[in-house]
């Protein structure tokens, strides 16, 4: 599940970069910053988006 969250984060990052968005704000919505939440954010960062 963590690997899928990271892959989704990378895909999300690529899509928003294509849309011309360079920076996003990450609101974890009350969830702890670990596991899938962290993997998603890390994947988005790896795609080159500033969080």
PDB file of N, CA and C in Angstrom:
ATOM      1  N   UNK A   1       0.823  -1.195   0.000  1.00  0.00           N
ATOM      2  CA  UNK A   1       0.000   0.000   0.000  1.00  0.00           C
ATOM      3  C   UNK A   1       0.864   1.255   0.000  1.00  0.00           C
ATOM      4  N   UNK A   2       1.969   1.212   0.710  1.00  0.00           N
ATOM      5  CA  UNK A   2       2.858   2.374   0.752  1.00  0.00           C
ATOM      6  C   UNK A   2       3.460   2.615  -0.631  1.00  0.00           C
ATOM      7  N   UNK A   3       3.830   1.539  -1.322  1.00  0.00           N
ATOM      8  CA  UNK A   3       4.415   1.671  -2.654  1.00  0.00           C
ATOM      9  C   UNK A   3       3.406   2.276  -3.632  1.00  0.00           C
ATOM     10  N   UNK A   4       2.154   1.872  -3.512  1.00  0.00           N
ATOM     11  CA  UNK A   4       1.113   2.418  -4.386  1.00  0.00           C
ATOM     12  C   UNK A   4       0.878   3.896  -4.092  1.00  0.00           C
ATOM     13  N   UNK A   5       0.932   4.279  -2.829  1.00  0.00           N
ATOM     14  CA  UNK A   5       0.757   5.684  -2.462  1.00  0.00           C
ATOM     15  C   UNK A   5       1.888   6.527  -3.038  1.00  0.00           C
ATOM     16  N   UNK A   6       3.112   6.008  -3.004  1.00  0.00           N
ATOM     17  CA  UNK A   6       4.243   6.745  -3.568  1.00  0.00           C
ATOM     18  C   UNK A   6       4.099   6.868  -5.087  1.00  0.00           C
ATOM     19  N   UNK A   7       3.678   5.789  -5.742  1.00  0.00           N
ATOM     20  CA  UNK A   7       3.475   5.829  -7.194  1.00  0.00           C
ATOM     21  C   UNK A   7       2.381   6.829  -7.558  1.00  0.00           C
ATOM     22  N   UNK A   8       1.320   6.872  -6.761  1.00  0.00           N
ATOM     23  CA  UNK A   8       0.247   7.830  -6.994  1.00  0.00           C
ATOM     24  C   UNK A   8       0.751   9.257  -6.805  1.00  0.00           C
ATOM     25  N   UNK A   9       1.593   9.469  -5.806  1.00  0.00           N
ATOM     26  CA  UNK A   9       2.178  10.791  -5.583  1.00  0.00           C
ATOM     27  C   UNK A   9       3.025  11.239  -6.761  1.00  0.00           C
ATOM     28  N   UNK A  10       3.794  10.315  -7.335  1.00  0.00           N
ATOM     29  CA  UNK A  10       4.614  10.646  -8.509  1.00  0.00           C
ATOM     30  C   UNK A  10       3.731  11.001  -9.701  1.00  0.00           C
ATOM     31  N   UNK A  11       2.672  10.224  -9.909  1.00  0.00           N
ATOM     32  CA  UNK A  11       1.751  10.500 -11.006  1.00  0.00           C
ATOM     33  C   UNK A  11       1.073  11.852 -10.799  1.00  0.00           C
ATOM     34  N   UNK A  12       0.631  12.115  -9.590  1.00  0.00           N
ATOM     35  CA  UNK A  12       0.015  13.398  -9.249  1.00  0.00           C
ATOM     36  C   UNK A  12       0.987  14.538  -9.537  1.00  0.00           C
ATOM     37  N   UNK A  13       2.238  14.366  -9.119  1.00  0.00           N
ATOM     38  CA  UNK A  13       3.252  15.389  -9.352  1.00  0.00           C
ATOM     39  C   UNK A  13       3.476  15.652 -10.825  1.00  0.00           C
ATOM     40  N   UNK A  14       3.516  14.607 -11.628  1.00  0.00           N
ATOM     41  CA  UNK A  14       3.709  14.772 -13.069  1.00  0.00           C
ATOM     42  C   UNK A  14       2.540  15.517 -13.694  1.00  0.00           C
ATOM     43  N   UNK A  15       1.336  15.161 -13.295  1.00  0.00           N
ATOM     44  CA  UNK A  15       0.141  15.792 -13.866  1.00  0.00           C
ATOM     45  C   UNK A  15       0.065  17.276 -13.518  1.00  0.00           C
ATOM     46  N   UNK A  16       0.369  17.632 -12.275  1.00  0.00           N
ATOM     47  CA  UNK A  16       0.266  19.046 -11.923  1.00  0.00           C
ATOM     48  C   UNK A  16       1.416  19.848 -12.519  1.00  0.00           C
ATOM     49  N   UNK A  17       2.579  19.217 -12.727  1.00  0.00           N
ATOM     50  CA  UNK A  17       3.678  19.902 -13.418  1.00  0.00           C
ATOM     51  C   UNK A  17       3.276  20.190 -14.865  1.00  0.00           C
ATOM     52  N   UNK A  18       2.596  19.241 -15.510  1.00  0.00           N
ATOM     53  CA  UNK A  18       2.116  19.442 -16.879  1.00  0.00           C
ATOM     54  C   UNK A  18       1.112  20.587 -16.939  1.00  0.00           C
ATOM     55  N   UNK A  19       0.371  20.786 -15.864  1.00  0.00           N
ATOM     56  CA  UNK A  19      -0.614  21.861 -15.799  1.00  0.00           C
ATOM     57  C   UNK A  19       0.028  23.202 -15.462  1.00  0.00           C
ATOM     58  N   UNK A  20       1.339  23.212 -15.233  1.00  0.00           N
ATOM     59  CA  UNK A  20       2.046  24.457 -14.960  1.00  0.00           C
ATOM     60  C   UNK A  20       2.103  24.837 -13.496  1.00  0.00           C
ATOM     61  N   UNK A  21       1.766  23.920 -12.614  1.00  0.00           N
ATOM     62  CA  UNK A  21       1.792  24.198 -11.178  1.00  0.00           C
ATOM     63  C   UNK A  21       3.130  23.731 -10.624  1.00  0.00           C
ATOM     64  N   UNK A  22       3.836  24.619  -9.958  1.00  0.00           N
ATOM     65  CA  UNK A  22       5.168  24.305  -9.438  1.00  0.00           C
ATOM     66  C   UNK A  22       5.186  24.069  -7.929  1.00  0.00           C
ATOM     67  N   UNK A  23       4.193  24.604  -7.221  1.00  0.00           N
ATOM     68  CA  UNK A  23       4.200  24.526  -5.759  1.00  0.00           C
ATOM     69  C   UNK A  23       2.793  24.219  -5.260  1.00  0.00           C
ATOM     70  N   UNK A  24       2.688  23.329  -4.281  1.00  0.00           N
ATOM     71  CA  UNK A  24       1.402  22.998  -3.676  1.00  0.00           C
ATOM     72  C   UNK A  24       1.527  23.043  -2.158  1.00  0.00           C
ATOM     73  N   UNK A  25       0.394  23.134  -1.498  1.00  0.00           N
ATOM     74  CA  UNK A  25       0.339  23.079  -0.038  1.00  0.00           C
ATOM     75  C   UNK A  25      -0.242  21.721   0.329  1.00  0.00           C
ATOM     76  N   UNK A  26       0.423  21.026   1.225  1.00  0.00           N
ATOM     77  CA  UNK A  26       0.005  19.683   1.617  1.00  0.00           C
ATOM     78  C   UNK A  26      -0.649  19.748   2.988  1.00  0.00           C
ATOM     79  N   UNK A  27      -1.964  19.521   3.024  1.00  0.00           N
ATOM     80  CA  UNK A  27      -2.709  19.480   4.282  1.00  0.00           C
ATOM     81  C   UNK A  27      -3.024  18.016   4.561  1.00  0.00           C
ATOM     82  N   UNK A  28      -2.412  17.478   5.580  1.00  0.00           N
ATOM     83  CA  UNK A  28      -2.567  16.053   5.865  1.00  0.00           C
ATOM     84  C   UNK A  28      -3.928  15.721   6.461  1.00  0.00           C
ATOM     85  N   UNK A  29      -4.746  16.718   6.736  1.00  0.00           N
ATOM     86  CA  UNK A  29      -6.119  16.480   7.156  1.00  0.00           C
ATOM     87  C   UNK A  29      -6.263  15.741   8.471  1.00  0.00           C
ATOM     88  N   UNK A  30      -5.359  15.955   9.395  1.00  0.00           N
ATOM     89  CA  UNK A  30      -5.447  15.310  10.691  1.00  0.00           C
ATOM     90  C   UNK A  30      -4.759  13.957  10.766  1.00  0.00           C
ATOM     91  N   UNK A  31      -4.330  13.446   9.631  1.00  0.00           N
ATOM     92  CA  UNK A  31      -3.627  12.163   9.629  1.00  0.00           C
ATOM     93  C   UNK A  31      -2.176  12.367  10.049  1.00  0.00           C
ATOM     94  N   UNK A  32      -1.617  11.387  10.720  1.00  0.00           N
ATOM     95  CA  UNK A  32      -0.210  11.458  11.089  1.00  0.00           C
ATOM     96  C   UNK A  32       0.640  11.417   9.831  1.00  0.00           C
ATOM     97  N   UNK A  33       1.782  12.089   9.878  1.00  0.00           N
ATOM     98  CA  UNK A  33       2.661  12.167   8.710  1.00  0.00           C
ATOM     99  C   UNK A  33       3.625  10.985   8.714  1.00  0.00           C
ATOM    100  N   UNK A  34       3.123   9.823   8.335  1.00  0.00           N
ATOM    101  CA  UNK A  34       3.954   8.631   8.184  1.00  0.00           C
ATOM    102  C   UNK A  34       3.203   7.650   7.293  1.00  0.00           C
ATOM    103  N   UNK A  35       3.843   6.591   6.918  1.00  0.00           N
ATOM    104  CA  UNK A  35       3.197   5.564   6.111  1.00  0.00           C
ATOM    105  C   UNK A  35       2.779   6.069   4.747  1.00  0.00           C
ATOM    106  N   UNK A  36       1.516   5.822   4.392  1.00  0.00           N
ATOM    107  CA  UNK A  36       1.017   6.175   3.063  1.00  0.00           C
ATOM    108  C   UNK A  36       0.975   7.675   2.832  1.00  0.00           C
ATOM    109  N   UNK A  37       0.650   8.438   3.870  1.00  0.00           N
ATOM    110  CA  UNK A  37       0.599   9.894   3.729  1.00  0.00           C
ATOM    111  C   UNK A  37       1.986  10.431   3.387  1.00  0.00           C
ATOM    112  N   UNK A  38       2.991   9.970   4.096  1.00  0.00           N
ATOM    113  CA  UNK A  38       4.370  10.395   3.844  1.00  0.00           C
ATOM    114  C   UNK A  38       4.832   9.930   2.465  1.00  0.00           C
ATOM    115  N   UNK A  39       4.494   8.704   2.089  1.00  0.00           N
ATOM    116  CA  UNK A  39       4.896   8.168   0.788  1.00  0.00           C
ATOM    117  C   UNK A  39       4.292   8.984  -0.350  1.00  0.00           C
ATOM    118  N   UNK A  40       3.024   9.391  -0.204  1.00  0.00           N
ATOM    119  CA  UNK A  40       2.382  10.217  -1.229  1.00  0.00           C
ATOM    120  C   UNK A  40       3.102  11.554  -1.372  1.00  0.00           C
ATOM    121  N   UNK A  41       3.385  12.202  -0.248  1.00  0.00           N
ATOM    122  CA  UNK A  41       4.077  13.495  -0.278  1.00  0.00           C
ATOM    123  C   UNK A  41       5.480  13.346  -0.853  1.00  0.00           C
ATOM    124  N   UNK A  42       6.186  12.301  -0.473  1.00  0.00           N
ATOM    125  CA  UNK A  42       7.538  12.073  -0.990  1.00  0.00           C
ATOM    126  C   UNK A  42       7.514  11.817  -2.496  1.00  0.00           C
ATOM    127  N   UNK A  43       6.545  11.063  -2.958  1.00  0.00           N
ATOM    128  CA  UNK A  43       6.415  10.803  -4.390  1.00  0.00           C
ATOM    129  C   UNK A  43       6.151  12.069  -5.175  1.00  0.00           C
ATOM    130  N   UNK A  44       5.329  12.941  -4.610  1.00  0.00           N
ATOM    131  CA  UNK A  44       5.049  14.215  -5.260  1.00  0.00           C
ATOM    132  C   UNK A  44       6.306  15.071  -5.321  1.00  0.00           C
ATOM    133  N   UNK A  45       7.074  15.085  -4.247  1.00  0.00           N
ATOM    134  CA  UNK A  45       8.343  15.833  -4.238  1.00  0.00           C
ATOM    135  C   UNK A  45       9.318  15.279  -5.273  1.00  0.00           C
ATOM    136  N   UNK A  46       9.385  13.956  -5.381  1.00  0.00           N
ATOM    137  CA  UNK A  46      10.291  13.323  -6.344  1.00  0.00           C
ATOM    138  C   UNK A  46       9.939  13.702  -7.775  1.00  0.00           C
ATOM    139  N   UNK A  47       8.679  14.018  -8.021  1.00  0.00           N
ATOM    140  CA  UNK A  47       8.257  14.439  -9.358  1.00  0.00           C
ATOM    141  C   UNK A  47       8.667  15.877  -9.640  1.00  0.00           C
ATOM    142  N   UNK A  48       9.229  16.554  -8.639  1.00  0.00           N
ATOM    143  CA  UNK A  48       9.736  17.906  -8.850  1.00  0.00           C
ATOM    144  C   UNK A  48       8.812  19.015  -8.404  1.00  0.00           C
ATOM    145  N   UNK A  49       7.806  18.686  -7.612  1.00  0.00           N
ATOM    146  CA  UNK A  49       6.871  19.692  -7.120  1.00  0.00           C
ATOM    147  C   UNK A  49       7.299  20.110  -5.721  1.00  0.00           C
ATOM    148  N   UNK A  50       7.318  21.418  -5.481  1.00  0.00           N
ATOM    149  CA  UNK A  50       7.685  21.924  -4.158  1.00  0.00           C
ATOM    150  C   UNK A  50       6.473  21.878  -3.245  1.00  0.00           C
ATOM    151  N   UNK A  51       6.657  21.269  -2.086  1.00  0.00           N
ATOM    152  CA  UNK A  51       5.565  21.187  -1.101  1.00  0.00           C
ATOM    153  C   UNK A  51       5.938  22.037   0.088  1.00  0.00           C
TER     154      UNK A  51
END
